[in-house]
């Protein structure tokens, strides 16, 4: 079941963090960049992001999370994460499909590490197109994607 998460609630923020940290640890290993900013998040930093959060729950267990900001027809995905115990079960696709049905969206945008081949393949398969590669530093390049709706 997918439902909105009140990220201002400390327990909810901690629950999101319990999915985020192991998920981004895997991404950091895949792309060879251990200093990913989401690995430095705390419950407090999540609570002040200004993002809207939705979670995929199996019973009461949070298995995946999507967060975004929406402005003037553009939905900017900030995180789409699945706990490693639940990889390859279609959870990311269900979360993406869920937010794609939100009203007043003309375009969705997202970035991911360019070396994160599973994420790159996922976004391309989901109808996104690559729009830009952005070199952050010598060790990290991210790819920006968009999907017109």
N, C-alpha and C. Protein backbone atom coordinates (compact mmCIF):
# COMPACT_ATOMS: atom_id res chain seq x y z
N UNK A 1 0.84 -1.18 0.00
CA UNK A 1 0.00 0.00 0.00
C UNK A 1 0.89 1.25 0.00
N UNK A 2 0.49 2.23 -0.78
CA UNK A 2 1.22 3.50 -0.85
C UNK A 2 0.42 4.56 -0.12
N UNK A 3 1.12 5.28 0.75
CA UNK A 3 0.45 6.37 1.45
C UNK A 3 1.45 7.48 1.74
N UNK A 4 0.89 8.69 1.95
CA UNK A 4 1.74 9.83 2.23
C UNK A 4 2.36 9.69 3.62
N UNK A 5 3.59 10.15 3.72
CA UNK A 5 4.32 10.11 4.98
C UNK A 5 4.42 11.54 5.51
N UNK A 6 4.05 11.73 6.76
CA UNK A 6 4.21 13.03 7.39
C UNK A 6 5.66 13.14 7.89
N UNK A 7 6.50 13.70 7.04
CA UNK A 7 7.93 13.74 7.34
C UNK A 7 8.24 14.64 8.54
N UNK A 8 7.31 15.50 8.91
CA UNK A 8 7.51 16.36 10.09
C UNK A 8 7.46 15.54 11.39
N UNK A 9 6.84 14.36 11.32
CA UNK A 9 6.78 13.47 12.47
C UNK A 9 8.13 12.77 12.61
N UNK A 10 8.75 12.92 13.78
CA UNK A 10 10.11 12.39 13.96
C UNK A 10 10.20 10.89 13.71
N UNK A 11 9.24 10.13 14.23
CA UNK A 11 9.28 8.66 14.02
C UNK A 11 9.18 8.32 12.53
N UNK A 12 8.36 9.08 11.81
CA UNK A 12 8.24 8.85 10.37
C UNK A 12 9.56 9.18 9.66
N UNK A 13 10.19 10.27 10.05
CA UNK A 13 11.48 10.65 9.45
C UNK A 13 12.53 9.59 9.74
N UNK A 14 12.53 9.05 10.94
CA UNK A 14 13.47 7.98 11.29
C UNK A 14 13.20 6.72 10.47
N UNK A 15 11.92 6.45 10.23
CA UNK A 15 11.53 5.30 9.42
C UNK A 15 12.03 5.47 7.98
N UNK A 16 11.88 6.67 7.43
CA UNK A 16 12.39 6.95 6.08
C UNK A 16 13.91 6.76 6.06
N UNK A 17 14.58 7.26 7.07
CA UNK A 17 16.03 7.12 7.15
C UNK A 17 16.45 5.66 7.18
N UNK A 18 15.65 4.80 7.79
CA UNK A 18 15.98 3.37 7.87
C UNK A 18 15.90 2.69 6.50
N UNK A 19 15.24 3.32 5.55
CA UNK A 19 15.24 2.84 4.17
C UNK A 19 16.32 3.56 3.37
N UNK A 20 16.43 4.85 3.59
CA UNK A 20 17.34 5.68 2.80
C UNK A 20 18.81 5.28 2.96
N UNK A 21 19.25 5.11 4.19
CA UNK A 21 20.69 4.85 4.40
C UNK A 21 21.16 3.56 3.75
N UNK A 22 20.48 2.43 3.94
CA UNK A 22 20.96 1.22 3.25
C UNK A 22 20.81 1.31 1.73
N UNK A 23 19.79 1.99 1.24
CA UNK A 23 19.60 2.12 -0.22
C UNK A 23 20.73 2.94 -0.83
N UNK A 24 21.03 4.09 -0.22
CA UNK A 24 22.09 4.93 -0.78
C UNK A 24 23.48 4.35 -0.54
N UNK A 25 23.62 3.51 0.46
CA UNK A 25 24.90 2.83 0.67
C UNK A 25 25.20 1.93 -0.53
N UNK A 26 24.16 1.26 -1.03
CA UNK A 26 24.32 0.41 -2.23
C UNK A 26 24.66 1.28 -3.43
N UNK A 27 23.95 2.41 -3.59
CA UNK A 27 24.27 3.30 -4.73
C UNK A 27 25.70 3.79 -4.63
N UNK A 28 26.14 4.17 -3.44
CA UNK A 28 27.51 4.65 -3.26
C UNK A 28 28.52 3.58 -3.69
N UNK A 29 28.23 2.32 -3.37
CA UNK A 29 29.12 1.22 -3.78
C UNK A 29 29.10 1.05 -5.30
N UNK A 30 27.91 1.13 -5.90
CA UNK A 30 27.78 0.95 -7.35
C UNK A 30 28.57 2.01 -8.10
N UNK A 31 28.44 3.26 -7.67
CA UNK A 31 29.08 4.35 -8.42
C UNK A 31 30.49 4.68 -7.92
N UNK A 32 30.90 4.03 -6.84
CA UNK A 32 32.25 4.26 -6.33
C UNK A 32 32.44 5.64 -5.74
N UNK A 33 31.38 6.12 -5.07
CA UNK A 33 31.44 7.45 -4.46
C UNK A 33 30.84 7.38 -3.07
N UNK A 34 31.66 7.12 -2.04
CA UNK A 34 31.14 6.90 -0.69
C UNK A 34 30.62 8.16 0.01
N UNK A 35 30.82 9.32 -0.60
CA UNK A 35 30.48 10.58 0.06
C UNK A 35 29.14 11.16 -0.42
N UNK A 36 28.21 10.30 -0.81
CA UNK A 36 26.91 10.77 -1.29
C UNK A 36 26.20 11.59 -0.21
N UNK A 37 25.71 12.77 -0.56
CA UNK A 37 25.02 13.61 0.43
C UNK A 37 23.86 12.93 1.16
N UNK A 38 23.02 12.09 0.50
CA UNK A 38 21.92 11.47 1.24
C UNK A 38 22.38 10.54 2.38
N UNK A 39 23.63 10.11 2.33
CA UNK A 39 24.15 9.27 3.42
C UNK A 39 24.44 10.09 4.67
N UNK A 40 24.43 11.43 4.53
CA UNK A 40 24.68 12.31 5.67
C UNK A 40 23.38 12.82 6.29
N UNK A 41 22.24 12.49 5.67
CA UNK A 41 20.96 12.94 6.21
C UNK A 41 20.72 12.38 7.60
N UNK A 42 19.94 13.14 8.35
CA UNK A 42 19.46 12.71 9.67
C UNK A 42 17.94 12.89 9.64
N UNK A 43 17.28 12.42 10.68
CA UNK A 43 15.84 12.65 10.78
C UNK A 43 15.56 14.15 10.72
N UNK A 44 16.39 14.94 11.38
CA UNK A 44 16.20 16.40 11.39
C UNK A 44 16.33 17.00 9.99
N UNK A 45 17.33 16.58 9.22
CA UNK A 45 17.50 17.16 7.89
C UNK A 45 16.37 16.72 6.96
N UNK A 46 15.87 15.52 7.12
CA UNK A 46 14.73 15.08 6.30
C UNK A 46 13.49 15.92 6.59
N UNK A 47 13.32 16.27 7.86
CA UNK A 47 12.12 17.01 8.26
C UNK A 47 12.06 18.42 7.67
N UNK A 48 13.18 18.96 7.26
CA UNK A 48 13.19 20.33 6.75
C UNK A 48 13.45 20.41 5.25
N UNK A 49 13.31 19.31 4.53
CA UNK A 49 13.58 19.31 3.09
C UNK A 49 12.55 20.08 2.29
N UNK A 50 11.32 20.17 2.81
CA UNK A 50 10.26 20.78 2.04
C UNK A 50 9.70 19.84 0.97
N UNK A 51 10.14 18.59 0.99
CA UNK A 51 9.69 17.60 0.01
C UNK A 51 8.41 16.92 0.51
N UNK A 52 7.64 16.42 -0.43
CA UNK A 52 6.48 15.58 -0.13
C UNK A 52 6.95 14.13 -0.22
N UNK A 53 6.61 13.34 0.78
CA UNK A 53 7.06 11.95 0.85
C UNK A 53 5.88 10.99 0.76
N UNK A 54 6.06 9.93 -0.03
CA UNK A 54 5.12 8.82 -0.06
C UNK A 54 5.91 7.55 0.19
N UNK A 55 5.29 6.62 0.90
CA UNK A 55 5.95 5.36 1.21
C UNK A 55 5.17 4.17 0.70
N UNK A 56 5.89 3.14 0.38
CA UNK A 56 5.31 1.85 0.00
C UNK A 56 5.44 0.95 1.23
N UNK A 57 4.30 0.53 1.75
CA UNK A 57 4.28 -0.27 2.97
C UNK A 57 3.79 -1.68 2.68
N UNK A 58 4.43 -2.64 3.33
CA UNK A 58 3.92 -4.00 3.39
C UNK A 58 3.53 -4.19 4.85
N UNK A 59 2.22 -4.18 5.10
CA UNK A 59 1.76 -4.13 6.48
C UNK A 59 2.20 -2.79 7.06
N UNK A 60 2.92 -2.83 8.18
CA UNK A 60 3.42 -1.59 8.78
C UNK A 60 4.87 -1.31 8.40
N UNK A 61 5.48 -2.22 7.64
CA UNK A 61 6.90 -2.08 7.28
C UNK A 61 7.06 -1.18 6.05
N UNK A 62 7.86 -0.14 6.20
CA UNK A 62 8.18 0.75 5.10
C UNK A 62 9.25 0.08 4.24
N UNK A 63 8.94 -0.13 2.96
CA UNK A 63 9.85 -0.84 2.06
C UNK A 63 10.49 0.10 1.03
N UNK A 64 9.79 1.17 0.68
CA UNK A 64 10.29 2.09 -0.33
C UNK A 64 9.72 3.48 -0.13
N UNK A 65 10.40 4.49 -0.67
CA UNK A 65 10.01 5.88 -0.48
C UNK A 65 10.27 6.66 -1.77
N UNK A 66 9.36 7.56 -2.07
CA UNK A 66 9.60 8.54 -3.12
C UNK A 66 9.32 9.90 -2.52
N UNK A 67 10.17 10.88 -2.84
CA UNK A 67 9.94 12.24 -2.37
C UNK A 67 10.15 13.19 -3.54
N UNK A 68 9.45 14.31 -3.48
CA UNK A 68 9.51 15.24 -4.59
C UNK A 68 9.07 16.63 -4.15
N UNK A 69 9.35 17.58 -5.04
CA UNK A 69 8.79 18.92 -4.93
C UNK A 69 8.06 19.16 -6.25
N UNK A 70 6.91 19.82 -6.15
CA UNK A 70 6.12 20.08 -7.34
C UNK A 70 5.89 21.58 -7.46
N UNK A 71 6.22 22.11 -8.64
CA UNK A 71 6.05 23.54 -8.85
C UNK A 71 5.76 23.81 -10.32
N UNK A 72 4.69 24.53 -10.57
CA UNK A 72 4.32 24.95 -11.93
C UNK A 72 4.36 23.82 -12.93
N UNK A 73 3.70 22.72 -12.64
CA UNK A 73 3.59 21.63 -13.59
C UNK A 73 4.78 20.69 -13.66
N UNK A 74 5.83 21.00 -12.89
CA UNK A 74 7.04 20.16 -12.90
C UNK A 74 7.15 19.43 -11.57
N UNK A 75 7.23 18.13 -11.64
CA UNK A 75 7.43 17.31 -10.45
C UNK A 75 8.89 16.88 -10.44
N UNK A 76 9.63 17.37 -9.45
CA UNK A 76 11.07 17.11 -9.33
C UNK A 76 11.28 16.03 -8.27
N UNK A 77 11.64 14.84 -8.73
CA UNK A 77 11.85 13.72 -7.82
C UNK A 77 13.20 13.91 -7.13
N UNK A 78 13.18 13.91 -5.80
CA UNK A 78 14.41 14.10 -5.04
C UNK A 78 15.00 12.78 -4.56
N UNK A 79 14.13 11.81 -4.27
CA UNK A 79 14.64 10.49 -3.88
C UNK A 79 13.59 9.44 -4.25
N UNK A 80 14.09 8.35 -4.78
CA UNK A 80 13.28 7.17 -5.05
C UNK A 80 14.12 6.01 -4.56
N UNK A 81 13.75 5.50 -3.39
CA UNK A 81 14.62 4.54 -2.70
C UNK A 81 13.81 3.32 -2.27
N UNK A 82 14.47 2.19 -2.33
CA UNK A 82 13.87 0.93 -1.88
C UNK A 82 14.88 0.27 -0.96
N UNK A 83 14.40 -0.24 0.16
CA UNK A 83 15.30 -0.95 1.06
C UNK A 83 15.88 -2.16 0.31
N UNK A 84 17.18 -2.42 0.44
CA UNK A 84 17.80 -3.53 -0.29
C UNK A 84 17.10 -4.89 -0.11
N UNK A 85 16.45 -5.12 1.03
CA UNK A 85 15.72 -6.38 1.21
C UNK A 85 14.58 -6.53 0.22
N UNK A 86 14.15 -5.41 -0.39
CA UNK A 86 12.99 -5.42 -1.27
C UNK A 86 13.33 -5.02 -2.71
N UNK A 87 14.63 -5.06 -3.06
CA UNK A 87 15.03 -4.77 -4.44
C UNK A 87 14.37 -5.76 -5.39
N UNK A 88 14.14 -5.30 -6.61
CA UNK A 88 13.66 -6.14 -7.73
C UNK A 88 12.28 -6.74 -7.47
N UNK A 89 11.45 -6.01 -6.76
CA UNK A 89 10.08 -6.47 -6.50
C UNK A 89 9.04 -5.52 -7.09
N UNK A 90 9.49 -4.55 -7.88
CA UNK A 90 8.57 -3.63 -8.54
C UNK A 90 8.12 -2.45 -7.69
N UNK A 91 8.72 -2.29 -6.52
CA UNK A 91 8.29 -1.22 -5.60
C UNK A 91 8.61 0.16 -6.17
N UNK A 92 9.80 0.35 -6.72
CA UNK A 92 10.16 1.65 -7.28
C UNK A 92 9.19 2.02 -8.42
N UNK A 93 8.87 1.05 -9.26
CA UNK A 93 7.95 1.30 -10.38
C UNK A 93 6.56 1.68 -9.87
N UNK A 94 6.10 1.00 -8.83
CA UNK A 94 4.78 1.33 -8.27
C UNK A 94 4.77 2.74 -7.68
N UNK A 95 5.83 3.11 -6.98
CA UNK A 95 5.91 4.47 -6.42
C UNK A 95 5.94 5.51 -7.54
N UNK A 96 6.72 5.26 -8.56
CA UNK A 96 6.80 6.19 -9.68
C UNK A 96 5.45 6.32 -10.39
N UNK A 97 4.81 5.20 -10.66
CA UNK A 97 3.50 5.22 -11.31
C UNK A 97 2.48 5.98 -10.47
N UNK A 98 2.57 5.82 -9.17
CA UNK A 98 1.63 6.47 -8.25
C UNK A 98 1.73 8.00 -8.34
N UNK A 99 2.94 8.53 -8.29
CA UNK A 99 3.07 9.99 -8.30
C UNK A 99 2.84 10.56 -9.70
N UNK A 100 3.07 9.74 -10.71
CA UNK A 100 2.86 10.20 -12.08
C UNK A 100 1.38 10.54 -12.33
N UNK A 101 0.49 9.97 -11.56
CA UNK A 101 -0.94 10.21 -11.71
C UNK A 101 -1.41 11.46 -10.97
N UNK A 102 -0.50 12.15 -10.31
CA UNK A 102 -0.90 13.38 -9.61
C UNK A 102 -1.40 14.40 -10.62
N UNK A 103 -2.38 15.20 -10.23
CA UNK A 103 -2.90 16.21 -11.15
C UNK A 103 -1.92 17.37 -11.36
N UNK A 104 -2.09 18.04 -12.48
CA UNK A 104 -1.36 19.28 -12.78
C UNK A 104 0.13 19.05 -13.05
N UNK A 105 0.51 17.86 -13.48
CA UNK A 105 1.92 17.60 -13.80
C UNK A 105 2.06 17.53 -15.32
N UNK A 106 2.99 18.32 -15.83
CA UNK A 106 3.30 18.28 -17.26
C UNK A 106 4.61 17.55 -17.52
N UNK A 107 5.48 17.55 -16.51
CA UNK A 107 6.81 16.98 -16.69
C UNK A 107 7.33 16.48 -15.35
N UNK A 108 8.07 15.38 -15.38
CA UNK A 108 8.79 14.90 -14.20
C UNK A 108 10.28 14.97 -14.53
N UNK A 109 11.08 15.35 -13.51
CA UNK A 109 12.53 15.40 -13.66
C UNK A 109 13.18 14.66 -12.51
N UNK A 110 14.36 14.12 -12.77
CA UNK A 110 15.09 13.37 -11.75
C UNK A 110 16.56 13.31 -12.14
N UNK A 111 17.43 13.17 -11.16
CA UNK A 111 18.86 12.94 -11.43
C UNK A 111 19.30 11.70 -10.67
N UNK A 112 20.34 11.07 -11.20
CA UNK A 112 20.95 9.93 -10.52
C UNK A 112 22.42 9.87 -10.92
N UNK A 113 23.19 9.15 -10.15
CA UNK A 113 24.60 8.97 -10.49
C UNK A 113 24.72 8.31 -11.85
N UNK A 114 25.54 8.88 -12.73
CA UNK A 114 25.67 8.35 -14.09
C UNK A 114 26.15 6.91 -14.11
N UNK A 115 26.93 6.52 -13.12
CA UNK A 115 27.42 5.14 -13.05
C UNK A 115 26.42 4.19 -12.39
N UNK A 116 25.29 4.71 -11.93
CA UNK A 116 24.27 3.86 -11.30
C UNK A 116 23.44 3.22 -12.41
N UNK A 117 24.01 2.20 -13.05
CA UNK A 117 23.38 1.60 -14.22
C UNK A 117 21.98 1.04 -13.94
N UNK A 118 21.71 0.45 -12.75
CA UNK A 118 20.34 0.00 -12.51
C UNK A 118 19.34 1.16 -12.51
N UNK A 119 19.70 2.30 -11.91
CA UNK A 119 18.79 3.45 -11.86
C UNK A 119 18.64 4.06 -13.25
N UNK A 120 19.74 4.20 -13.98
CA UNK A 120 19.69 4.76 -15.33
C UNK A 120 18.76 3.90 -16.20
N UNK A 121 18.94 2.58 -16.14
CA UNK A 121 18.09 1.68 -16.93
C UNK A 121 16.63 1.79 -16.50
N UNK A 122 16.38 1.92 -15.21
CA UNK A 122 15.03 2.04 -14.69
C UNK A 122 14.34 3.29 -15.25
N UNK A 123 15.01 4.43 -15.21
CA UNK A 123 14.39 5.66 -15.68
C UNK A 123 14.15 5.60 -17.20
N UNK A 124 15.11 5.07 -17.95
CA UNK A 124 14.92 4.95 -19.40
C UNK A 124 13.74 4.02 -19.71
N UNK A 125 13.66 2.91 -19.01
CA UNK A 125 12.55 1.95 -19.20
C UNK A 125 11.21 2.58 -18.83
N UNK A 126 11.25 3.53 -17.91
CA UNK A 126 10.02 4.17 -17.42
C UNK A 126 9.60 5.38 -18.26
N UNK A 127 10.27 5.59 -19.40
CA UNK A 127 9.86 6.64 -20.32
C UNK A 127 10.57 7.97 -20.15
N UNK A 128 11.58 8.02 -19.30
CA UNK A 128 12.38 9.23 -19.16
C UNK A 128 13.41 9.28 -20.29
N UNK A 129 13.85 10.48 -20.60
CA UNK A 129 14.96 10.62 -21.55
C UNK A 129 16.07 11.42 -20.89
N UNK A 130 17.28 11.06 -21.25
CA UNK A 130 18.44 11.75 -20.69
C UNK A 130 18.51 13.15 -21.29
N UNK A 131 18.70 14.16 -20.43
CA UNK A 131 18.80 15.53 -20.94
C UNK A 131 20.16 16.15 -20.70
N UNK A 132 20.90 15.65 -19.71
CA UNK A 132 22.18 16.29 -19.40
C UNK A 132 23.01 15.42 -18.47
N UNK A 133 24.33 15.48 -18.66
CA UNK A 133 25.27 14.89 -17.69
C UNK A 133 25.96 16.06 -17.01
N UNK A 134 26.03 16.01 -15.68
CA UNK A 134 26.58 17.12 -14.91
C UNK A 134 27.75 16.58 -14.08
N UNK A 135 28.94 17.12 -14.34
CA UNK A 135 30.12 16.71 -13.56
C UNK A 135 30.12 17.49 -12.25
N UNK A 136 29.98 16.76 -11.15
CA UNK A 136 29.99 17.38 -9.82
C UNK A 136 31.43 17.61 -9.37
N UNK A 137 32.24 16.58 -9.54
CA UNK A 137 33.68 16.67 -9.24
C UNK A 137 34.37 15.55 -10.01
N UNK A 138 35.66 15.35 -9.77
CA UNK A 138 36.39 14.34 -10.54
C UNK A 138 35.87 12.92 -10.31
N UNK A 139 35.17 12.69 -9.21
CA UNK A 139 34.70 11.35 -8.87
C UNK A 139 33.22 11.13 -9.12
N UNK A 140 32.47 12.19 -9.39
CA UNK A 140 31.02 12.04 -9.49
C UNK A 140 30.43 12.85 -10.65
N UNK A 141 29.70 12.13 -11.49
CA UNK A 141 28.91 12.74 -12.56
C UNK A 141 27.48 12.25 -12.37
N UNK A 142 26.52 13.17 -12.49
CA UNK A 142 25.12 12.77 -12.41
C UNK A 142 24.45 12.99 -13.76
N UNK A 143 23.43 12.21 -14.00
CA UNK A 143 22.65 12.33 -15.23
C UNK A 143 21.26 12.85 -14.88
N UNK A 144 20.83 13.85 -15.63
CA UNK A 144 19.49 14.42 -15.46
C UNK A 144 18.57 13.80 -16.50
N UNK A 145 17.36 13.46 -16.07
CA UNK A 145 16.35 12.88 -16.95
C UNK A 145 15.07 13.69 -16.84
N UNK A 146 14.25 13.61 -17.90
CA UNK A 146 12.92 14.20 -17.83
C UNK A 146 11.94 13.29 -18.56
N UNK A 147 10.70 13.43 -18.17
CA UNK A 147 9.60 12.70 -18.80
C UNK A 147 8.45 13.66 -18.98
N UNK A 148 8.06 13.89 -20.22
CA UNK A 148 6.92 14.75 -20.49
C UNK A 148 5.65 13.93 -20.37
N UNK A 149 4.64 14.50 -19.73
CA UNK A 149 3.38 13.76 -19.53
C UNK A 149 2.28 14.36 -20.39
